[in-house]
Amino acid sequence: MLGMALIMLTISTFITDLPYLILGLSFVVGASLSILVREAIAPTAQTRITKLTALFLLTVSIYGFVDLFKYFFT
């Protein structure tokens, strides 16, 4: 799922259609939350790195959504 999100975000840099960006950001949110839930249920050896990466991706994607809301509502 994270791979699909990265593909969609890569496509959105070349094709400037808004649906690709929204879909890519929503995939990143879903993948990050899925990773965090998985780590909470069954921790792995690299729990700290995995959680930090997931939180970073979640923060960046939420920032992207906030930026899109400013684009729509101003």
PDB file of N, CA and C in Angstrom:
ATOM      1  N   MET A   1       0.826  -1.188   0.000  1.00  0.00           N
ATOM      2  CA  MET A   1       0.000   0.000   0.000  1.00  0.00           C
ATOM      3  C   MET A   1       0.872   1.255   0.000  1.00  0.00           C
ATOM      4  N   LEU A   2       1.962   1.205   0.737  1.00  0.00           N
ATOM      5  CA  LEU A   2       2.860   2.354   0.758  1.00  0.00           C
ATOM      6  C   LEU A   2       3.522   2.540  -0.603  1.00  0.00           C
ATOM      7  N   GLY A   3       3.813   1.436  -1.264  1.00  0.00           N
ATOM      8  CA  GLY A   3       4.365   1.516  -2.615  1.00  0.00           C
ATOM      9  C   GLY A   3       3.387   2.152  -3.593  1.00  0.00           C
ATOM     10  N   MET A   4       2.111   1.790  -3.481  1.00  0.00           N
ATOM     11  CA  MET A   4       1.087   2.393  -4.330  1.00  0.00           C
ATOM     12  C   MET A   4       0.967   3.888  -4.050  1.00  0.00           C
ATOM     13  N   ALA A   5       1.082   4.271  -2.793  1.00  0.00           N
ATOM     14  CA  ALA A   5       1.020   5.688  -2.438  1.00  0.00           C
ATOM     15  C   ALA A   5       2.173   6.456  -3.063  1.00  0.00           C
ATOM     16  N   LEU A   6       3.366   5.881  -3.010  1.00  0.00           N
ATOM     17  CA  LEU A   6       4.517   6.549  -3.613  1.00  0.00           C
ATOM     18  C   LEU A   6       4.387   6.641  -5.122  1.00  0.00           C
ATOM     19  N   ILE A   7       3.827   5.626  -5.747  1.00  0.00           N
ATOM     20  CA  ILE A   7       3.591   5.669  -7.191  1.00  0.00           C
ATOM     21  C   ILE A   7       2.592   6.769  -7.530  1.00  0.00           C
ATOM     22  N   MET A   8       1.500   6.867  -6.766  1.00  0.00           N
ATOM     23  CA  MET A   8       0.499   7.891  -7.033  1.00  0.00           C
ATOM     24  C   MET A   8       1.065   9.295  -6.819  1.00  0.00           C
ATOM     25  N   LEU A   9       1.883   9.474  -5.797  1.00  0.00           N
ATOM     26  CA  LEU A   9       2.488  10.786  -5.571  1.00  0.00           C
ATOM     27  C   LEU A   9       3.507  11.121  -6.651  1.00  0.00           C
ATOM     28  N   THR A  10       4.200  10.116  -7.164  1.00  0.00           N
ATOM     29  CA  THR A  10       5.120  10.345  -8.277  1.00  0.00           C
ATOM     30  C   THR A  10       4.361  10.736  -9.529  1.00  0.00           C
ATOM     31  N   ILE A  11       3.249  10.068  -9.790  1.00  0.00           N
ATOM     32  CA  ILE A  11       2.419  10.422 -10.940  1.00  0.00           C
ATOM     33  C   ILE A  11       1.891  11.841 -10.804  1.00  0.00           C
ATOM     34  N   SER A  12       1.540  12.234  -9.584  1.00  0.00           N
ATOM     35  CA  SER A  12       0.981  13.576  -9.384  1.00  0.00           C
ATOM     36  C   SER A  12       2.014  14.677  -9.629  1.00  0.00           C
ATOM     37  N   THR A  13       3.305  14.353  -9.595  1.00  0.00           N
ATOM     38  CA  THR A  13       4.307  15.374  -9.918  1.00  0.00           C
ATOM     39  C   THR A  13       4.416  15.590 -11.419  1.00  0.00           C
ATOM     40  N   PHE A  14       4.133  14.551 -12.212  1.00  0.00           N
ATOM     41  CA  PHE A  14       4.206  14.686 -13.658  1.00  0.00           C
ATOM     42  C   PHE A  14       2.872  15.104 -14.274  1.00  0.00           C
ATOM     43  N   ILE A  15       1.789  14.572 -13.767  1.00  0.00           N
ATOM     44  CA  ILE A  15       0.450  14.924 -14.230  1.00  0.00           C
ATOM     45  C   ILE A  15      -0.164  15.781 -13.126  1.00  0.00           C
ATOM     46  N   THR A  16      -0.411  17.023 -13.419  1.00  0.00           N
ATOM     47  CA  THR A  16      -0.825  17.963 -12.373  1.00  0.00           C
ATOM     48  C   THR A  16      -2.329  17.941 -12.128  1.00  0.00           C
ATOM     49  N   ASP A  17      -2.933  16.782 -12.215  1.00  0.00           N
ATOM     50  CA  ASP A  17      -4.339  16.660 -11.876  1.00  0.00           C
ATOM     51  C   ASP A  17      -4.474  16.475 -10.373  1.00  0.00           C
ATOM     52  N   LEU A  18      -5.451  17.126  -9.803  1.00  0.00           N
ATOM     53  CA  LEU A  18      -5.658  17.099  -8.360  1.00  0.00           C
ATOM     54  C   LEU A  18      -6.068  15.726  -7.822  1.00  0.00           C
ATOM     55  N   PRO A  19      -6.861  14.924  -8.559  1.00  0.00           N
ATOM     56  CA  PRO A  19      -7.245  13.612  -8.006  1.00  0.00           C
ATOM     57  C   PRO A  19      -6.064  12.689  -7.705  1.00  0.00           C
ATOM     58  N   TYR A  20      -5.004  12.749  -8.504  1.00  0.00           N
ATOM     59  CA  TYR A  20      -3.831  11.910  -8.233  1.00  0.00           C
ATOM     60  C   TYR A  20      -3.177  12.300  -6.913  1.00  0.00           C
ATOM     61  N   LEU A  21      -3.098  13.596  -6.647  1.00  0.00           N
ATOM     62  CA  LEU A  21      -2.496  14.069  -5.411  1.00  0.00           C
ATOM     63  C   LEU A  21      -3.343  13.672  -4.208  1.00  0.00           C
ATOM     64  N   ILE A  22      -4.648  13.853  -4.305  1.00  0.00           N
ATOM     65  CA  ILE A  22      -5.543  13.496  -3.204  1.00  0.00           C
ATOM     66  C   ILE A  22      -5.507  11.993  -2.948  1.00  0.00           C
ATOM     67  N   LEU A  23      -5.534  11.204  -4.004  1.00  0.00           N
ATOM     68  CA  LEU A  23      -5.488   9.751  -3.849  1.00  0.00           C
ATOM     69  C   LEU A  23      -4.158   9.297  -3.254  1.00  0.00           C
ATOM     70  N   GLY A  24      -3.063   9.889  -3.707  1.00  0.00           N
ATOM     71  CA  GLY A  24      -1.754   9.535  -3.158  1.00  0.00           C
ATOM     72  C   GLY A  24      -1.635   9.887  -1.684  1.00  0.00           C
ATOM     73  N   LEU A  25      -2.119  11.072  -1.304  1.00  0.00           N
ATOM     74  CA  LEU A  25      -2.065  11.469   0.105  1.00  0.00           C
ATOM     75  C   LEU A  25      -2.949  10.590   0.976  1.00  0.00           C
ATOM     76  N   SER A  26      -4.112  10.211   0.459  1.00  0.00           N
ATOM     77  CA  SER A  26      -4.982   9.345   1.256  1.00  0.00           C
ATOM     78  C   SER A  26      -4.380   7.946   1.401  1.00  0.00           C
ATOM     79  N   PHE A  27      -3.689   7.465   0.363  1.00  0.00           N
ATOM     80  CA  PHE A  27      -2.987   6.187   0.482  1.00  0.00           C
ATOM     81  C   PHE A  27      -1.889   6.259   1.537  1.00  0.00           C
ATOM     82  N   VAL A  28      -1.168   7.375   1.594  1.00  0.00           N
ATOM     83  CA  VAL A  28      -0.104   7.534   2.584  1.00  0.00           C
ATOM     84  C   VAL A  28      -0.684   7.541   3.997  1.00  0.00           C
ATOM     85  N   VAL A  29      -1.820   8.231   4.186  1.00  0.00           N
ATOM     86  CA  VAL A  29      -2.468   8.238   5.501  1.00  0.00           C
ATOM     87  C   VAL A  29      -2.880   6.822   5.887  1.00  0.00           C
ATOM     88  N   GLY A  30      -3.512   6.096   4.966  1.00  0.00           N
ATOM     89  CA  GLY A  30      -3.946   4.731   5.257  1.00  0.00           C
ATOM     90  C   GLY A  30      -2.790   3.798   5.541  1.00  0.00           C
ATOM     91  N   ALA A  31      -1.734   3.901   4.753  1.00  0.00           N
ATOM     92  CA  ALA A  31      -0.577   3.032   4.951  1.00  0.00           C
ATOM     93  C   ALA A  31       0.120   3.345   6.267  1.00  0.00           C
ATOM     94  N   SER A  32       0.243   4.618   6.600  1.00  0.00           N
ATOM     95  CA  SER A  32       0.904   4.997   7.855  1.00  0.00           C
ATOM     96  C   SER A  32       0.114   4.519   9.061  1.00  0.00           C
ATOM     97  N   LEU A  33      -1.190   4.702   9.025  1.00  0.00           N
ATOM     98  CA  LEU A  33      -2.012   4.235  10.139  1.00  0.00           C
ATOM     99  C   LEU A  33      -1.981   2.713  10.239  1.00  0.00           C
ATOM    100  N   SER A  34      -1.958   2.038   9.095  1.00  0.00           N
ATOM    101  CA  SER A  34      -1.873   0.582   9.096  1.00  0.00           C
ATOM    102  C   SER A  34      -0.554   0.104   9.703  1.00  0.00           C
ATOM    103  N   ILE A  35       0.532   0.783   9.380  1.00  0.00           N
ATOM    104  CA  ILE A  35       1.834   0.429   9.940  1.00  0.00           C
ATOM    105  C   ILE A  35       1.847   0.645  11.447  1.00  0.00           C
ATOM    106  N   LEU A  36       1.282   1.762  11.906  1.00  0.00           N
ATOM    107  CA  LEU A  36       1.261   2.044  13.338  1.00  0.00           C
ATOM    108  C   LEU A  36       0.413   1.029  14.097  1.00  0.00           C
ATOM    109  N   VAL A  37      -0.709   0.619  13.533  1.00  0.00           N
ATOM    110  CA  VAL A  37      -1.550  -0.387  14.184  1.00  0.00           C
ATOM    111  C   VAL A  37      -0.828  -1.734  14.227  1.00  0.00           C
ATOM    112  N   ARG A  38      -0.191  -2.088  13.113  1.00  0.00           N
ATOM    113  CA  ARG A  38       0.543  -3.358  13.072  1.00  0.00           C
ATOM    114  C   ARG A  38       1.665  -3.397  14.098  1.00  0.00           C
ATOM    115  N   GLU A  39       2.385  -2.288  14.247  1.00  0.00           N
ATOM    116  CA  GLU A  39       3.468  -2.231  15.224  1.00  0.00           C
ATOM    117  C   GLU A  39       2.942  -2.257  16.655  1.00  0.00           C
ATOM    118  N   ALA A  40       1.757  -1.717  16.878  1.00  0.00           N
ATOM    119  CA  ALA A  40       1.174  -1.758  18.221  1.00  0.00           C
ATOM    120  C   ALA A  40       0.738  -3.173  18.587  1.00  0.00           C
ATOM    121  N   ILE A  41       0.254  -3.928  17.597  1.00  0.00           N
ATOM    122  CA  ILE A  41      -0.229  -5.281  17.856  1.00  0.00           C
ATOM    123  C   ILE A  41       0.932  -6.276  17.960  1.00  0.00           C
ATOM    124  N   ALA A  42       1.829  -6.221  16.984  1.00  0.00           N
ATOM    125  CA  ALA A  42       2.942  -7.174  16.941  1.00  0.00           C
ATOM    126  C   ALA A  42       4.242  -6.422  16.657  1.00  0.00           C
ATOM    127  N   PRO A  43       4.931  -5.960  17.689  1.00  0.00           N
ATOM    128  CA  PRO A  43       6.174  -5.199  17.475  1.00  0.00           C
ATOM    129  C   PRO A  43       7.254  -6.045  16.794  1.00  0.00           C
ATOM    130  N   THR A  44       8.022  -5.381  15.958  1.00  0.00           N
ATOM    131  CA  THR A  44       9.133  -6.037  15.271  1.00  0.00           C
ATOM    132  C   THR A  44      10.451  -5.587  15.896  1.00  0.00           C
ATOM    133  N   ALA A  45      11.546  -6.044  15.337  1.00  0.00           N
ATOM    134  CA  ALA A  45      12.860  -5.682  15.873  1.00  0.00           C
ATOM    135  C   ALA A  45      13.177  -4.204  15.649  1.00  0.00           C
ATOM    136  N   GLN A  46      12.680  -3.630  14.552  1.00  0.00           N
ATOM    137  CA  GLN A  46      12.934  -2.220  14.237  1.00  0.00           C
ATOM    138  C   GLN A  46      11.714  -1.357  14.556  1.00  0.00           C
ATOM    139  N   THR A  47      11.112  -1.549  15.709  1.00  0.00           N
ATOM    140  CA  THR A  47       9.871  -0.857  16.057  1.00  0.00           C
ATOM    141  C   THR A  47      10.044   0.650  16.066  1.00  0.00           C
ATOM    142  N   ARG A  48      11.114   1.141  16.662  1.00  0.00           N
ATOM    143  CA  ARG A  48      11.306   2.589  16.763  1.00  0.00           C
ATOM    144  C   ARG A  48      11.461   3.240  15.388  1.00  0.00           C
ATOM    145  N   ILE A  49      12.270   2.657  14.534  1.00  0.00           N
ATOM    146  CA  ILE A  49      12.481   3.224  13.200  1.00  0.00           C
ATOM    147  C   ILE A  49      11.198   3.169  12.385  1.00  0.00           C
ATOM    148  N   THR A  50      10.482   2.073  12.467  1.00  0.00           N
ATOM    149  CA  THR A  50       9.239   1.920  11.728  1.00  0.00           C
ATOM    150  C   THR A  50       8.203   2.927  12.189  1.00  0.00           C
ATOM    151  N   LYS A  51       8.071   3.104  13.493  1.00  0.00           N
ATOM    152  CA  LYS A  51       7.100   4.072  14.014  1.00  0.00           C
ATOM    153  C   LYS A  51       7.469   5.497  13.639  1.00  0.00           C
ATOM    154  N   LEU A  52       8.744   5.828  13.715  1.00  0.00           N
ATOM    155  CA  LEU A  52       9.172   7.174  13.341  1.00  0.00           C
ATOM    156  C   LEU A  52       8.920   7.455  11.864  1.00  0.00           C
ATOM    157  N   THR A  53       9.196   6.475  11.022  1.00  0.00           N
ATOM    158  CA  THR A  53       8.939   6.643   9.593  1.00  0.00           C
ATOM    159  C   THR A  53       7.451   6.802   9.319  1.00  0.00           C
ATOM    160  N   ALA A  54       6.630   5.984   9.958  1.00  0.00           N
ATOM    161  CA  ALA A  54       5.188   6.080   9.759  1.00  0.00           C
ATOM    162  C   ALA A  54       4.648   7.412  10.259  1.00  0.00           C
ATOM    163  N   LEU A  55       5.130   7.877  11.407  1.00  0.00           N
ATOM    164  CA  LEU A  55       4.694   9.174  11.925  1.00  0.00           C
ATOM    165  C   LEU A  55       5.144  10.321  11.033  1.00  0.00           C
ATOM    166  N   PHE A  56       6.345  10.224  10.488  1.00  0.00           N
ATOM    167  CA  PHE A  56       6.830  11.248   9.562  1.00  0.00           C
ATOM    168  C   PHE A  56       5.959  11.303   8.308  1.00  0.00           C
ATOM    169  N   LEU A  57       5.670  10.143   7.724  1.00  0.00           N
ATOM    170  CA  LEU A  57       4.818  10.109   6.527  1.00  0.00           C
ATOM    171  C   LEU A  57       3.416  10.609   6.822  1.00  0.00           C
ATOM    172  N   LEU A  58       2.887  10.258   7.990  1.00  0.00           N
ATOM    173  CA  LEU A  58       1.561  10.730   8.382  1.00  0.00           C
ATOM    174  C   LEU A  58       1.552  12.246   8.545  1.00  0.00           C
ATOM    175  N   THR A  59       2.574  12.799   9.153  1.00  0.00           N
ATOM    176  CA  THR A  59       2.668  14.245   9.323  1.00  0.00           C
ATOM    177  C   THR A  59       2.761  14.969   7.984  1.00  0.00           C
ATOM    178  N   VAL A  60       3.576  14.454   7.086  1.00  0.00           N
ATOM    179  CA  VAL A  60       3.727  15.078   5.773  1.00  0.00           C
ATOM    180  C   VAL A  60       2.418  15.012   4.987  1.00  0.00           C
ATOM    181  N   SER A  61       1.720  13.895   5.045  1.00  0.00           N
ATOM    182  CA  SER A  61       0.474  13.774   4.291  1.00  0.00           C
ATOM    183  C   SER A  61      -0.629  14.638   4.892  1.00  0.00           C
ATOM    184  N   ILE A  62      -0.679  14.755   6.203  1.00  0.00           N
ATOM    185  CA  ILE A  62      -1.672  15.652   6.819  1.00  0.00           C
ATOM    186  C   ILE A  62      -1.357  17.098   6.461  1.00  0.00           C
ATOM    187  N   TYR A  63      -0.087  17.454   6.442  1.00  0.00           N
ATOM    188  CA  TYR A  63       0.301  18.795   6.003  1.00  0.00           C
ATOM    189  C   TYR A  63      -0.137  19.031   4.556  1.00  0.00           C
ATOM    190  N   GLY A  64      -0.005  18.017   3.709  1.00  0.00           N
ATOM    191  CA  GLY A  64      -0.462  18.138   2.321  1.00  0.00           C
ATOM    192  C   GLY A  64      -1.963  18.351   2.230  1.00  0.00           C
ATOM    193  N   PHE A  65      -2.731  17.644   3.060  1.00  0.00           N
ATOM    194  CA  PHE A  65      -4.181  17.837   3.071  1.00  0.00           C
ATOM    195  C   PHE A  65      -4.554  19.232   3.561  1.00  0.00           C
ATOM    196  N   VAL A  66      -3.863  19.728   4.581  1.00  0.00           N
ATOM    197  CA  VAL A  66      -4.139  21.078   5.086  1.00  0.00           C
ATOM    198  C   VAL A  66      -3.844  22.104   4.003  1.00  0.00           C
ATOM    199  N   ASP A  67      -2.770  21.892   3.259  1.00  0.00           N
ATOM    200  CA  ASP A  67      -2.443  22.783   2.158  1.00  0.00           C
ATOM    201  C   ASP A  67      -3.520  22.739   1.075  1.00  0.00           C
ATOM    202  N   LEU A  68      -4.060  21.560   0.810  1.00  0.00           N
ATOM    203  CA  LEU A  68      -5.142  21.450  -0.173  1.00  0.00           C
ATOM    204  C   LEU A  68      -6.415  22.134   0.317  1.00  0.00           C
ATOM    205  N   PHE A  69      -6.706  22.069   1.614  1.00  0.00           N
ATOM    206  CA  PHE A  69      -7.894  22.755   2.140  1.00  0.00           C
ATOM    207  C   PHE A  69      -7.765  24.258   1.977  1.00  0.00           C
ATOM    208  N   LYS A  70      -6.565  24.796   2.173  1.00  0.00           N
ATOM    209  CA  LYS A  70      -6.372  26.219   1.957  1.00  0.00           C
ATOM    210  C   LYS A  70      -6.587  26.565   0.483  1.00  0.00           C
ATOM    211  N   TYR A  71      -6.223  25.655  -0.416  1.00  0.00           N
ATOM    212  CA  TYR A  71      -6.399  25.873  -1.840  1.00  0.00           C
ATOM    213  C   TYR A  71      -7.881  25.919  -2.207  1.00  0.00           C
ATOM    214  N   PHE A  72      -8.704  25.064  -1.584  1.00  0.00           N
ATOM    215  CA  PHE A  72     -10.117  24.999  -1.910  1.00  0.00           C
ATOM    216  C   PHE A  72     -10.941  26.097  -1.246  1.00  0.00           C
ATOM    217  N   PHE A  73     -10.584  26.502  -0.032  1.00  0.00           N
ATOM    218  CA  PHE A  73     -11.441  27.391   0.737  1.00  0.00           C
ATOM    219  C   PHE A  73     -10.977  28.839   0.753  1.00  0.00           C
ATOM    220  N   THR A  74     -10.046  29.230  -0.099  1.00  0.00           N
ATOM    221  CA  THR A  74      -9.672  30.629  -0.178  1.00  0.00           C
ATOM    222  C   THR A  74      -9.900  31.177  -1.554  1.00  0.00           C
TER     223      THR A  74
END
